[in-house]
């Protein structure tokens, strides 16, 4: 009888954790016409229309970045973080094997009443609260984790490659529709 109760409890906890895991939506199809510009950052292609931005700057250094300025008060920044800097060591802090696995865990903690103080603190570091919109998109070996907060200047798309420690981070004052549009402009370099 005790074995059955323990087994039922374990199954219930497993079902709850499955519900909490983010469900990946299909990544929007790459949309790049022949007359558009294609920029490459490490192994990610970015398709953009000439004249879509008032300024595009490529910044080198330990965190290579491309700044897409649309106006004096609106710009998005796409950066690449190598394994030594990816998510400020989130994978190690969560006991995860990769940056993607760490983001899966981070996104699943929101709304969990049994979150530990460390988990709650990490949610705060990544500006994830009860009102945040969290979305996950998958496309083959790439996964995008989107965190949106209303009127926030630092909404974020994290892009990971399967079993990799490096990560791409797109930060800007964008909406969910803008985030989907960005995903349609990104694809793996061949």
N, C-alpha and C. Protein backbone atom coordinates (compact mmCIF):
# COMPACT_ATOMS: atom_id res chain seq x y z
N UNK A 1 0.81 -1.19 0.00
CA UNK A 1 0.00 0.00 0.00
C UNK A 1 0.86 1.26 0.00
N UNK A 2 1.92 1.27 0.82
CA UNK A 2 2.82 2.43 0.89
C UNK A 2 3.52 2.60 -0.44
N UNK A 3 3.92 1.49 -1.06
CA UNK A 3 4.59 1.57 -2.36
C UNK A 3 3.68 2.24 -3.39
N UNK A 4 2.38 1.87 -3.38
CA UNK A 4 1.43 2.47 -4.33
C UNK A 4 1.30 3.97 -4.09
N UNK A 5 1.23 4.38 -2.82
CA UNK A 5 1.11 5.81 -2.50
C UNK A 5 2.34 6.58 -2.96
N UNK A 6 3.52 5.99 -2.71
CA UNK A 6 4.77 6.64 -3.13
C UNK A 6 4.83 6.72 -4.65
N UNK A 7 4.46 5.65 -5.32
CA UNK A 7 4.47 5.63 -6.78
C UNK A 7 3.49 6.67 -7.35
N UNK A 8 2.30 6.75 -6.79
CA UNK A 8 1.32 7.73 -7.25
C UNK A 8 1.83 9.15 -7.00
N UNK A 9 2.45 9.38 -5.85
CA UNK A 9 3.02 10.70 -5.55
C UNK A 9 4.11 11.07 -6.55
N UNK A 10 5.00 10.11 -6.85
CA UNK A 10 6.07 10.37 -7.82
C UNK A 10 5.50 10.66 -9.20
N UNK A 11 4.49 9.91 -9.61
CA UNK A 11 3.87 10.16 -10.91
C UNK A 11 3.21 11.53 -10.95
N UNK A 12 2.56 11.91 -9.87
CA UNK A 12 1.91 13.23 -9.82
C UNK A 12 2.96 14.34 -9.90
N UNK A 13 4.07 14.19 -9.15
CA UNK A 13 5.13 15.20 -9.21
C UNK A 13 5.74 15.26 -10.59
N UNK A 14 5.92 14.11 -11.23
CA UNK A 14 6.47 14.07 -12.58
C UNK A 14 5.53 14.77 -13.56
N UNK A 15 4.24 14.52 -13.43
CA UNK A 15 3.27 15.18 -14.31
C UNK A 15 3.29 16.68 -14.11
N UNK A 16 3.40 17.14 -12.86
CA UNK A 16 3.45 18.58 -12.60
C UNK A 16 4.69 19.20 -13.22
N UNK A 17 5.82 18.50 -13.13
CA UNK A 17 7.04 19.08 -13.70
C UNK A 17 6.97 19.08 -15.22
N UNK A 18 6.27 18.11 -15.82
CA UNK A 18 6.12 18.11 -17.27
C UNK A 18 5.26 19.28 -17.72
N UNK A 19 4.23 19.60 -16.96
CA UNK A 19 3.38 20.73 -17.30
C UNK A 19 4.16 22.03 -17.22
N UNK A 20 5.08 22.12 -16.25
CA UNK A 20 5.82 23.36 -16.04
C UNK A 20 6.90 23.58 -17.10
N UNK A 21 7.32 22.53 -17.80
CA UNK A 21 8.36 22.68 -18.80
C UNK A 21 7.84 23.52 -19.97
N UNK A 22 8.64 24.43 -20.49
CA UNK A 22 8.18 25.22 -21.63
C UNK A 22 7.98 24.35 -22.87
N UNK A 23 6.92 24.62 -23.58
CA UNK A 23 6.61 23.87 -24.80
C UNK A 23 7.11 24.69 -25.98
N UNK A 24 7.93 24.07 -26.80
CA UNK A 24 8.52 24.79 -27.94
C UNK A 24 7.52 24.90 -29.08
N UNK A 25 7.34 26.14 -29.53
CA UNK A 25 6.55 26.40 -30.73
C UNK A 25 7.49 26.30 -31.93
N UNK A 26 6.90 26.21 -33.12
CA UNK A 26 7.71 26.14 -34.33
C UNK A 26 8.32 27.52 -34.62
N UNK A 27 9.60 27.52 -34.87
CA UNK A 27 10.34 28.74 -35.21
C UNK A 27 9.78 29.29 -36.52
N UNK A 28 9.51 30.59 -36.61
CA UNK A 28 9.03 31.15 -37.89
C UNK A 28 10.03 30.88 -39.02
N UNK A 29 9.51 30.65 -40.19
CA UNK A 29 10.36 30.34 -41.35
C UNK A 29 11.28 31.51 -41.68
N UNK A 30 12.52 31.19 -42.04
CA UNK A 30 13.50 32.21 -42.42
C UNK A 30 12.99 32.93 -43.65
N UNK A 31 12.95 34.25 -43.58
CA UNK A 31 12.39 35.05 -44.65
C UNK A 31 13.42 36.08 -45.09
N UNK A 32 14.07 35.82 -46.21
CA UNK A 32 15.10 36.73 -46.69
C UNK A 32 15.05 36.78 -48.22
N UNK A 33 14.67 37.92 -48.74
CA UNK A 33 14.60 38.10 -50.19
C UNK A 33 16.00 38.33 -50.75
N UNK A 34 16.17 38.14 -52.03
CA UNK A 34 17.48 38.25 -52.66
C UNK A 34 18.06 39.66 -52.59
N UNK A 35 17.22 40.67 -52.43
CA UNK A 35 17.74 42.04 -52.40
C UNK A 35 17.99 42.54 -50.97
N UNK A 36 17.97 41.65 -49.99
CA UNK A 36 18.21 42.04 -48.60
C UNK A 36 19.63 41.69 -48.18
N UNK A 37 20.10 42.35 -47.16
CA UNK A 37 21.45 42.11 -46.62
C UNK A 37 21.45 40.93 -45.69
N UNK A 38 22.52 40.13 -45.73
CA UNK A 38 22.68 39.05 -44.77
C UNK A 38 23.98 39.28 -44.02
N UNK A 39 23.87 39.45 -42.71
CA UNK A 39 25.03 39.59 -41.84
C UNK A 39 25.22 38.27 -41.12
N UNK A 40 26.46 37.92 -40.80
CA UNK A 40 26.71 36.70 -40.05
C UNK A 40 27.44 37.04 -38.77
N UNK A 41 26.92 36.56 -37.66
CA UNK A 41 27.56 36.69 -36.36
C UNK A 41 27.88 35.29 -35.89
N UNK A 42 29.14 34.95 -35.88
CA UNK A 42 29.66 33.61 -35.56
C UNK A 42 29.03 32.60 -36.51
N UNK A 43 27.97 31.87 -36.10
CA UNK A 43 27.35 30.91 -37.03
C UNK A 43 25.85 31.14 -37.16
N UNK A 44 25.44 32.42 -37.01
CA UNK A 44 24.04 32.79 -37.14
C UNK A 44 23.89 33.87 -38.20
N UNK A 45 23.05 33.61 -39.20
CA UNK A 45 22.77 34.61 -40.24
C UNK A 45 21.64 35.51 -39.80
N UNK A 46 21.78 36.80 -40.10
CA UNK A 46 20.76 37.79 -39.80
C UNK A 46 20.39 38.46 -41.12
N UNK A 47 19.12 38.38 -41.50
CA UNK A 47 18.66 39.00 -42.74
C UNK A 47 18.02 40.33 -42.39
N UNK A 48 18.42 41.37 -43.08
CA UNK A 48 17.86 42.70 -42.83
C UNK A 48 17.71 43.45 -44.14
N UNK A 49 16.76 44.34 -44.17
CA UNK A 49 16.55 45.17 -45.34
C UNK A 49 17.46 46.39 -45.25
N UNK A 50 18.06 46.76 -46.36
CA UNK A 50 18.86 47.98 -46.40
C UNK A 50 17.94 49.15 -46.09
N UNK A 51 18.36 50.00 -45.20
CA UNK A 51 17.56 51.15 -44.82
C UNK A 51 16.55 50.90 -43.72
N UNK A 52 16.46 49.66 -43.23
CA UNK A 52 15.51 49.35 -42.15
C UNK A 52 15.94 49.98 -40.83
N UNK A 53 17.23 50.25 -40.71
CA UNK A 53 17.77 50.82 -39.47
C UNK A 53 18.49 52.11 -39.78
N UNK A 54 18.46 53.03 -38.84
CA UNK A 54 19.17 54.29 -39.04
C UNK A 54 20.67 54.10 -38.87
N UNK A 55 21.05 53.04 -38.16
CA UNK A 55 22.47 52.77 -37.92
C UNK A 55 22.64 51.31 -37.54
N UNK A 56 23.66 50.66 -38.07
CA UNK A 56 24.01 49.30 -37.68
C UNK A 56 25.49 49.32 -37.34
N UNK A 57 25.82 48.91 -36.11
CA UNK A 57 27.21 48.91 -35.67
C UNK A 57 27.62 47.51 -35.27
N UNK A 58 28.79 47.11 -35.70
CA UNK A 58 29.37 45.83 -35.30
C UNK A 58 30.42 46.13 -34.24
N UNK A 59 30.27 45.53 -33.08
CA UNK A 59 31.20 45.75 -31.97
C UNK A 59 31.98 44.46 -31.72
N UNK A 60 33.29 44.56 -31.73
CA UNK A 60 34.13 43.39 -31.47
C UNK A 60 34.48 43.36 -29.99
N UNK A 61 35.20 42.36 -29.58
CA UNK A 61 35.62 42.26 -28.19
C UNK A 61 35.28 40.89 -27.64
N UNK A 62 35.26 40.78 -26.31
CA UNK A 62 34.99 39.49 -25.70
C UNK A 62 33.54 39.06 -25.89
N UNK A 63 32.66 40.01 -26.15
CA UNK A 63 31.27 39.71 -26.46
C UNK A 63 30.92 40.40 -27.78
N UNK A 64 31.19 39.74 -28.92
CA UNK A 64 30.87 40.36 -30.22
C UNK A 64 29.38 40.68 -30.30
N UNK A 65 29.07 41.86 -30.82
CA UNK A 65 27.68 42.31 -30.86
C UNK A 65 27.40 43.09 -32.14
N UNK A 66 26.12 43.12 -32.51
CA UNK A 66 25.66 43.98 -33.60
C UNK A 66 24.51 44.80 -33.03
N UNK A 67 24.61 46.12 -33.16
CA UNK A 67 23.58 47.04 -32.67
C UNK A 67 22.75 47.49 -33.87
N UNK A 68 21.44 47.28 -33.78
CA UNK A 68 20.51 47.69 -34.82
C UNK A 68 19.70 48.86 -34.28
N UNK A 69 20.07 50.08 -34.71
CA UNK A 69 19.41 51.28 -34.21
C UNK A 69 18.29 51.67 -35.17
N UNK A 70 17.08 51.82 -34.63
CA UNK A 70 15.93 52.19 -35.46
C UNK A 70 15.60 53.67 -35.35
N UNK A 71 15.90 54.25 -34.22
CA UNK A 71 15.67 55.68 -33.99
C UNK A 71 16.48 56.06 -32.75
N UNK A 72 16.38 57.31 -32.35
CA UNK A 72 17.14 57.74 -31.18
C UNK A 72 16.74 57.02 -29.91
N UNK A 73 15.50 56.53 -29.84
CA UNK A 73 15.04 55.87 -28.62
C UNK A 73 14.77 54.38 -28.78
N UNK A 74 15.14 53.79 -29.90
CA UNK A 74 14.87 52.36 -30.11
C UNK A 74 16.04 51.69 -30.79
N UNK A 75 16.61 50.68 -30.12
CA UNK A 75 17.64 49.87 -30.75
C UNK A 75 17.62 48.48 -30.14
N UNK A 76 18.07 47.50 -30.92
CA UNK A 76 18.18 46.12 -30.48
C UNK A 76 19.64 45.72 -30.61
N UNK A 77 20.10 44.87 -29.69
CA UNK A 77 21.48 44.43 -29.69
C UNK A 77 21.52 42.90 -29.71
N UNK A 78 22.18 42.34 -30.71
CA UNK A 78 22.39 40.91 -30.81
C UNK A 78 23.84 40.63 -30.45
N UNK A 79 24.05 39.80 -29.43
CA UNK A 79 25.42 39.50 -29.01
C UNK A 79 25.63 38.00 -28.93
N UNK A 80 26.89 37.64 -28.94
CA UNK A 80 27.32 36.24 -28.84
C UNK A 80 28.12 36.09 -27.56
N UNK A 81 27.75 35.13 -26.74
CA UNK A 81 28.48 34.86 -25.50
C UNK A 81 29.11 33.48 -25.60
N UNK A 82 30.42 33.43 -25.48
CA UNK A 82 31.13 32.16 -25.49
C UNK A 82 30.86 31.37 -24.21
N UNK A 83 31.29 30.14 -24.19
CA UNK A 83 31.03 29.25 -23.05
C UNK A 83 31.49 29.82 -21.72
N UNK A 84 32.59 30.57 -21.72
CA UNK A 84 33.11 31.10 -20.46
C UNK A 84 32.23 32.21 -19.87
N UNK A 85 31.38 32.85 -20.68
CA UNK A 85 30.55 33.95 -20.20
C UNK A 85 29.05 33.68 -20.32
N UNK A 86 28.66 32.61 -20.97
CA UNK A 86 27.25 32.37 -21.28
C UNK A 86 26.36 32.41 -20.04
N UNK A 87 25.44 33.35 -20.06
CA UNK A 87 24.44 33.50 -19.01
C UNK A 87 25.05 33.62 -17.62
N UNK A 88 26.26 34.16 -17.54
CA UNK A 88 26.95 34.36 -16.26
C UNK A 88 27.01 33.08 -15.44
N UNK A 89 27.26 31.97 -16.12
CA UNK A 89 27.43 30.69 -15.43
C UNK A 89 26.14 30.04 -14.96
N UNK A 90 25.01 30.36 -15.59
CA UNK A 90 23.72 29.80 -15.18
C UNK A 90 23.73 28.28 -15.22
N UNK A 91 24.37 27.70 -16.24
CA UNK A 91 24.38 26.23 -16.34
C UNK A 91 25.00 25.60 -15.10
N UNK A 92 26.13 26.14 -14.65
CA UNK A 92 26.77 25.60 -13.46
C UNK A 92 25.92 25.82 -12.22
N UNK A 93 25.28 26.98 -12.12
CA UNK A 93 24.45 27.30 -10.95
C UNK A 93 23.20 26.42 -10.86
N UNK A 94 22.74 25.92 -11.99
CA UNK A 94 21.53 25.08 -11.98
C UNK A 94 21.85 23.60 -12.13
N UNK A 95 23.14 23.25 -12.21
CA UNK A 95 23.52 21.86 -12.38
C UNK A 95 23.14 21.33 -13.75
N UNK A 96 23.14 22.19 -14.75
CA UNK A 96 22.73 21.82 -16.10
C UNK A 96 23.94 21.48 -16.96
N UNK A 97 23.70 20.65 -17.96
CA UNK A 97 24.76 20.24 -18.87
C UNK A 97 25.02 21.25 -19.97
N UNK A 98 24.05 22.14 -20.24
CA UNK A 98 24.21 23.11 -21.32
C UNK A 98 23.42 24.38 -20.99
N UNK A 99 23.67 25.42 -21.76
CA UNK A 99 22.94 26.68 -21.58
C UNK A 99 21.45 26.48 -21.87
N UNK A 100 21.14 25.68 -22.88
CA UNK A 100 19.74 25.41 -23.21
C UNK A 100 19.01 24.70 -22.08
N UNK A 101 19.67 23.71 -21.50
CA UNK A 101 19.06 22.99 -20.38
C UNK A 101 18.86 23.93 -19.19
N UNK A 102 19.81 24.84 -18.96
CA UNK A 102 19.68 25.81 -17.87
C UNK A 102 18.49 26.73 -18.12
N UNK A 103 18.29 27.18 -19.37
CA UNK A 103 17.15 28.03 -19.68
C UNK A 103 15.83 27.27 -19.56
N UNK A 104 15.81 25.98 -19.95
CA UNK A 104 14.62 25.16 -19.74
C UNK A 104 14.24 25.17 -18.26
N UNK A 105 15.24 24.95 -17.41
CA UNK A 105 14.97 24.93 -15.97
C UNK A 105 14.51 26.30 -15.48
N UNK A 106 15.19 27.35 -15.89
CA UNK A 106 14.84 28.69 -15.46
C UNK A 106 13.39 29.02 -15.85
N UNK A 107 13.01 28.73 -17.09
CA UNK A 107 11.67 29.04 -17.56
C UNK A 107 10.61 28.19 -16.84
N UNK A 108 10.97 27.00 -16.38
CA UNK A 108 10.00 26.13 -15.70
C UNK A 108 9.79 26.51 -14.23
N UNK A 109 10.67 27.31 -13.66
CA UNK A 109 10.53 27.68 -12.24
C UNK A 109 9.45 28.71 -12.00
N UNK A 110 9.19 29.57 -12.96
CA UNK A 110 8.22 30.63 -12.73
C UNK A 110 6.86 30.04 -12.38
N UNK A 111 6.26 30.54 -11.33
CA UNK A 111 4.95 30.07 -10.90
C UNK A 111 4.98 28.81 -10.07
N UNK A 112 6.16 28.24 -9.84
CA UNK A 112 6.26 27.04 -9.02
C UNK A 112 6.28 27.45 -7.56
N UNK A 113 5.26 27.09 -6.79
CA UNK A 113 5.21 27.50 -5.38
C UNK A 113 6.31 26.87 -4.53
N UNK A 114 6.93 25.84 -5.05
CA UNK A 114 7.99 25.16 -4.29
C UNK A 114 9.39 25.62 -4.71
N UNK A 115 9.49 26.74 -5.40
CA UNK A 115 10.80 27.26 -5.81
C UNK A 115 11.65 27.58 -4.59
N UNK A 116 12.93 27.26 -4.70
CA UNK A 116 13.85 27.55 -3.61
C UNK A 116 14.22 29.03 -3.64
N UNK A 117 14.78 29.54 -2.55
CA UNK A 117 15.23 30.94 -2.56
C UNK A 117 16.25 31.20 -3.68
N UNK A 118 17.14 30.24 -3.97
CA UNK A 118 18.11 30.42 -5.05
C UNK A 118 17.40 30.51 -6.40
N UNK A 119 16.40 29.67 -6.62
CA UNK A 119 15.65 29.71 -7.87
C UNK A 119 14.92 31.04 -8.02
N UNK A 120 14.30 31.52 -6.95
CA UNK A 120 13.60 32.81 -6.98
C UNK A 120 14.58 33.94 -7.27
N UNK A 121 15.78 33.86 -6.68
CA UNK A 121 16.80 34.90 -6.92
C UNK A 121 17.24 34.89 -8.38
N UNK A 122 17.45 33.70 -8.96
CA UNK A 122 17.85 33.61 -10.37
C UNK A 122 16.74 34.11 -11.29
N UNK A 123 15.48 33.85 -10.95
CA UNK A 123 14.37 34.41 -11.74
C UNK A 123 14.43 35.93 -11.71
N UNK A 124 14.74 36.49 -10.54
CA UNK A 124 14.87 37.94 -10.42
C UNK A 124 16.02 38.49 -11.24
N UNK A 125 17.14 37.79 -11.26
CA UNK A 125 18.30 38.23 -12.04
C UNK A 125 17.94 38.32 -13.53
N UNK A 126 17.12 37.40 -14.00
CA UNK A 126 16.72 37.38 -15.41
C UNK A 126 15.40 38.11 -15.65
N UNK A 127 14.95 38.90 -14.67
CA UNK A 127 13.72 39.72 -14.76
C UNK A 127 12.50 38.90 -15.16
N UNK A 128 12.38 37.72 -14.58
CA UNK A 128 11.22 36.87 -14.82
C UNK A 128 10.34 36.93 -13.58
N UNK A 129 9.12 37.42 -13.79
CA UNK A 129 8.17 37.47 -12.68
C UNK A 129 6.83 36.92 -13.15
N UNK A 130 5.81 37.03 -12.31
CA UNK A 130 4.50 36.45 -12.63
C UNK A 130 3.89 37.07 -13.88
N UNK A 131 4.24 38.30 -14.21
CA UNK A 131 3.66 38.98 -15.37
C UNK A 131 4.48 38.81 -16.65
N UNK A 132 5.64 38.20 -16.56
CA UNK A 132 6.49 38.01 -17.74
C UNK A 132 5.84 37.02 -18.71
N UNK A 133 6.00 37.31 -20.00
CA UNK A 133 5.58 36.36 -21.03
C UNK A 133 6.82 35.56 -21.40
N UNK A 134 6.71 34.23 -21.31
CA UNK A 134 7.81 33.34 -21.65
C UNK A 134 7.38 32.48 -22.83
N UNK A 135 8.20 32.43 -23.86
CA UNK A 135 7.93 31.63 -25.05
C UNK A 135 9.19 30.87 -25.42
N UNK A 136 9.01 29.70 -26.01
CA UNK A 136 10.13 28.91 -26.50
C UNK A 136 9.82 28.51 -27.94
N UNK A 137 10.81 28.69 -28.83
CA UNK A 137 10.67 28.32 -30.23
C UNK A 137 11.81 27.39 -30.60
N UNK A 138 11.52 26.35 -31.39
CA UNK A 138 12.54 25.42 -31.81
C UNK A 138 12.64 25.34 -33.31
N UNK A 139 13.89 25.16 -33.80
CA UNK A 139 14.14 24.99 -35.23
C UNK A 139 15.38 24.13 -35.37
N UNK A 140 15.17 22.83 -35.51
CA UNK A 140 16.32 21.95 -35.65
C UNK A 140 17.24 22.02 -34.45
N UNK A 141 18.47 22.43 -34.69
CA UNK A 141 19.45 22.47 -33.61
C UNK A 141 19.39 23.76 -32.79
N UNK A 142 18.58 24.74 -33.20
CA UNK A 142 18.46 26.01 -32.48
C UNK A 142 17.17 26.06 -31.66
N UNK A 143 17.27 26.66 -30.48
CA UNK A 143 16.11 26.93 -29.63
C UNK A 143 16.18 28.38 -29.18
N UNK A 144 15.04 29.07 -29.25
CA UNK A 144 14.95 30.46 -28.80
C UNK A 144 14.07 30.52 -27.57
N UNK A 145 14.56 31.17 -26.52
CA UNK A 145 13.83 31.39 -25.29
C UNK A 145 13.55 32.89 -25.20
N UNK A 146 12.28 33.25 -25.17
CA UNK A 146 11.90 34.66 -25.20
C UNK A 146 11.31 35.05 -23.85
N UNK A 147 11.83 36.15 -23.29
CA UNK A 147 11.30 36.73 -22.05
C UNK A 147 10.87 38.15 -22.35
N UNK A 148 9.56 38.41 -22.19
CA UNK A 148 9.01 39.73 -22.48
C UNK A 148 8.33 40.30 -21.23
N UNK A 149 8.63 41.54 -20.91
CA UNK A 149 7.97 42.27 -19.85
C UNK A 149 7.41 43.54 -20.47
N UNK A 150 6.17 43.88 -20.13
CA UNK A 150 5.51 45.05 -20.71
C UNK A 150 6.36 46.31 -20.52
N UNK A 151 6.55 47.04 -21.59
CA UNK A 151 7.26 48.33 -21.59
C UNK A 151 8.70 48.25 -21.07
N UNK A 152 9.31 47.09 -21.14
CA UNK A 152 10.70 46.93 -20.68
C UNK A 152 11.66 47.23 -21.82
N UNK A 153 12.73 47.95 -21.55
CA UNK A 153 13.72 48.24 -22.59
C UNK A 153 14.65 47.07 -22.83
N UNK A 154 14.55 46.02 -22.00
CA UNK A 154 15.49 44.91 -22.11
C UNK A 154 14.81 43.56 -22.31
N UNK A 155 13.75 43.52 -23.13
CA UNK A 155 13.17 42.23 -23.46
C UNK A 155 14.24 41.42 -24.16
N UNK A 156 14.21 40.11 -23.96
CA UNK A 156 15.35 39.30 -24.37
C UNK A 156 14.93 38.03 -25.09
N UNK A 157 15.69 37.72 -26.14
CA UNK A 157 15.60 36.43 -26.82
C UNK A 157 16.97 35.76 -26.61
N UNK A 158 16.96 34.60 -25.97
CA UNK A 158 18.18 33.80 -25.82
C UNK A 158 18.11 32.71 -26.87
N UNK A 159 19.18 32.53 -27.63
CA UNK A 159 19.21 31.51 -28.67
C UNK A 159 20.36 30.56 -28.37
N UNK A 160 20.04 29.28 -28.27
CA UNK A 160 21.05 28.27 -27.98
C UNK A 160 21.11 27.24 -29.10
N UNK A 161 22.23 26.58 -29.17
CA UNK A 161 22.43 25.47 -30.09
C UNK A 161 22.48 24.20 -29.25
N UNK A 162 21.92 23.12 -29.75
CA UNK A 162 21.88 21.87 -29.01
C UNK A 162 23.23 21.50 -28.42
N UNK A 163 23.25 21.16 -27.15
CA UNK A 163 24.44 20.69 -26.43
C UNK A 163 25.61 21.66 -26.48
N UNK A 164 25.33 22.93 -26.62
CA UNK A 164 26.41 23.91 -26.69
C UNK A 164 26.35 24.83 -25.48
N UNK A 165 27.50 25.32 -25.10
CA UNK A 165 27.57 26.26 -23.99
C UNK A 165 27.49 27.71 -24.46
N UNK A 166 27.65 27.97 -25.76
CA UNK A 166 27.56 29.36 -26.20
C UNK A 166 26.10 29.75 -26.42
N UNK A 167 25.88 31.04 -26.44
CA UNK A 167 24.51 31.53 -26.54
C UNK A 167 24.50 32.85 -27.29
N UNK A 168 23.42 33.10 -28.01
CA UNK A 168 23.17 34.40 -28.61
C UNK A 168 22.12 35.08 -27.74
N UNK A 169 22.25 36.39 -27.57
CA UNK A 169 21.30 37.14 -26.76
C UNK A 169 20.88 38.38 -27.55
N UNK A 170 19.59 38.50 -27.80
CA UNK A 170 19.04 39.67 -28.47
C UNK A 170 18.24 40.45 -27.44
N UNK A 171 18.65 41.69 -27.21
CA UNK A 171 18.01 42.53 -26.20
C UNK A 171 17.44 43.77 -26.87
N UNK A 172 16.23 44.15 -26.50
CA UNK A 172 15.64 45.37 -27.04
C UNK A 172 14.27 45.64 -26.47
N UNK A 173 13.71 46.75 -26.86
CA UNK A 173 12.37 47.13 -26.45
C UNK A 173 11.41 46.65 -27.52
N UNK A 174 11.20 45.34 -27.58
CA UNK A 174 10.35 44.78 -28.62
C UNK A 174 9.17 44.03 -28.03
N UNK A 175 8.16 43.85 -28.85
CA UNK A 175 6.94 43.14 -28.47
C UNK A 175 7.07 41.67 -28.89
N UNK A 176 6.04 40.89 -28.59
CA UNK A 176 6.05 39.49 -29.03
C UNK A 176 6.04 39.40 -30.55
N UNK A 177 5.29 40.27 -31.20
CA UNK A 177 5.27 40.28 -32.68
C UNK A 177 6.65 40.62 -33.23
N UNK A 178 7.33 41.60 -32.60
CA UNK A 178 8.69 41.95 -33.03
C UNK A 178 9.64 40.76 -32.82
N UNK A 179 9.48 40.05 -31.70
CA UNK A 179 10.33 38.89 -31.42
C UNK A 179 10.14 37.81 -32.48
N UNK A 180 8.90 37.56 -32.86
CA UNK A 180 8.63 36.57 -33.92
C UNK A 180 9.24 37.03 -35.25
N UNK A 181 9.14 38.33 -35.52
CA UNK A 181 9.74 38.86 -36.75
C UNK A 181 11.25 38.67 -36.72
N UNK A 182 11.89 38.93 -35.57
CA UNK A 182 13.33 38.71 -35.45
C UNK A 182 13.68 37.25 -35.74
N UNK A 183 12.90 36.33 -35.17
CA UNK A 183 13.21 34.91 -35.40
C UNK A 183 13.13 34.55 -36.88
N UNK A 184 12.20 35.17 -37.61
CA UNK A 184 12.10 34.93 -39.05
C UNK A 184 13.27 35.50 -39.83
N UNK A 185 14.07 36.37 -39.21
CA UNK A 185 15.23 36.97 -39.85
C UNK A 185 16.53 36.26 -39.45
N UNK A 186 16.45 35.22 -38.63
CA UNK A 186 17.65 34.53 -38.15
C UNK A 186 17.65 33.09 -38.64
N UNK A 187 18.83 32.62 -39.04
CA UNK A 187 18.98 31.21 -39.41
C UNK A 187 20.43 30.79 -39.23
N UNK A 188 20.67 29.50 -39.07
CA UNK A 188 22.05 29.03 -38.93
C UNK A 188 22.85 29.29 -40.20
N UNK A 189 24.09 29.69 -40.04
CA UNK A 189 24.98 29.85 -41.19
C UNK A 189 25.32 28.46 -41.70
N UNK A 190 25.45 28.35 -43.00
CA UNK A 190 25.74 27.01 -43.57
C UNK A 190 27.19 26.82 -43.79
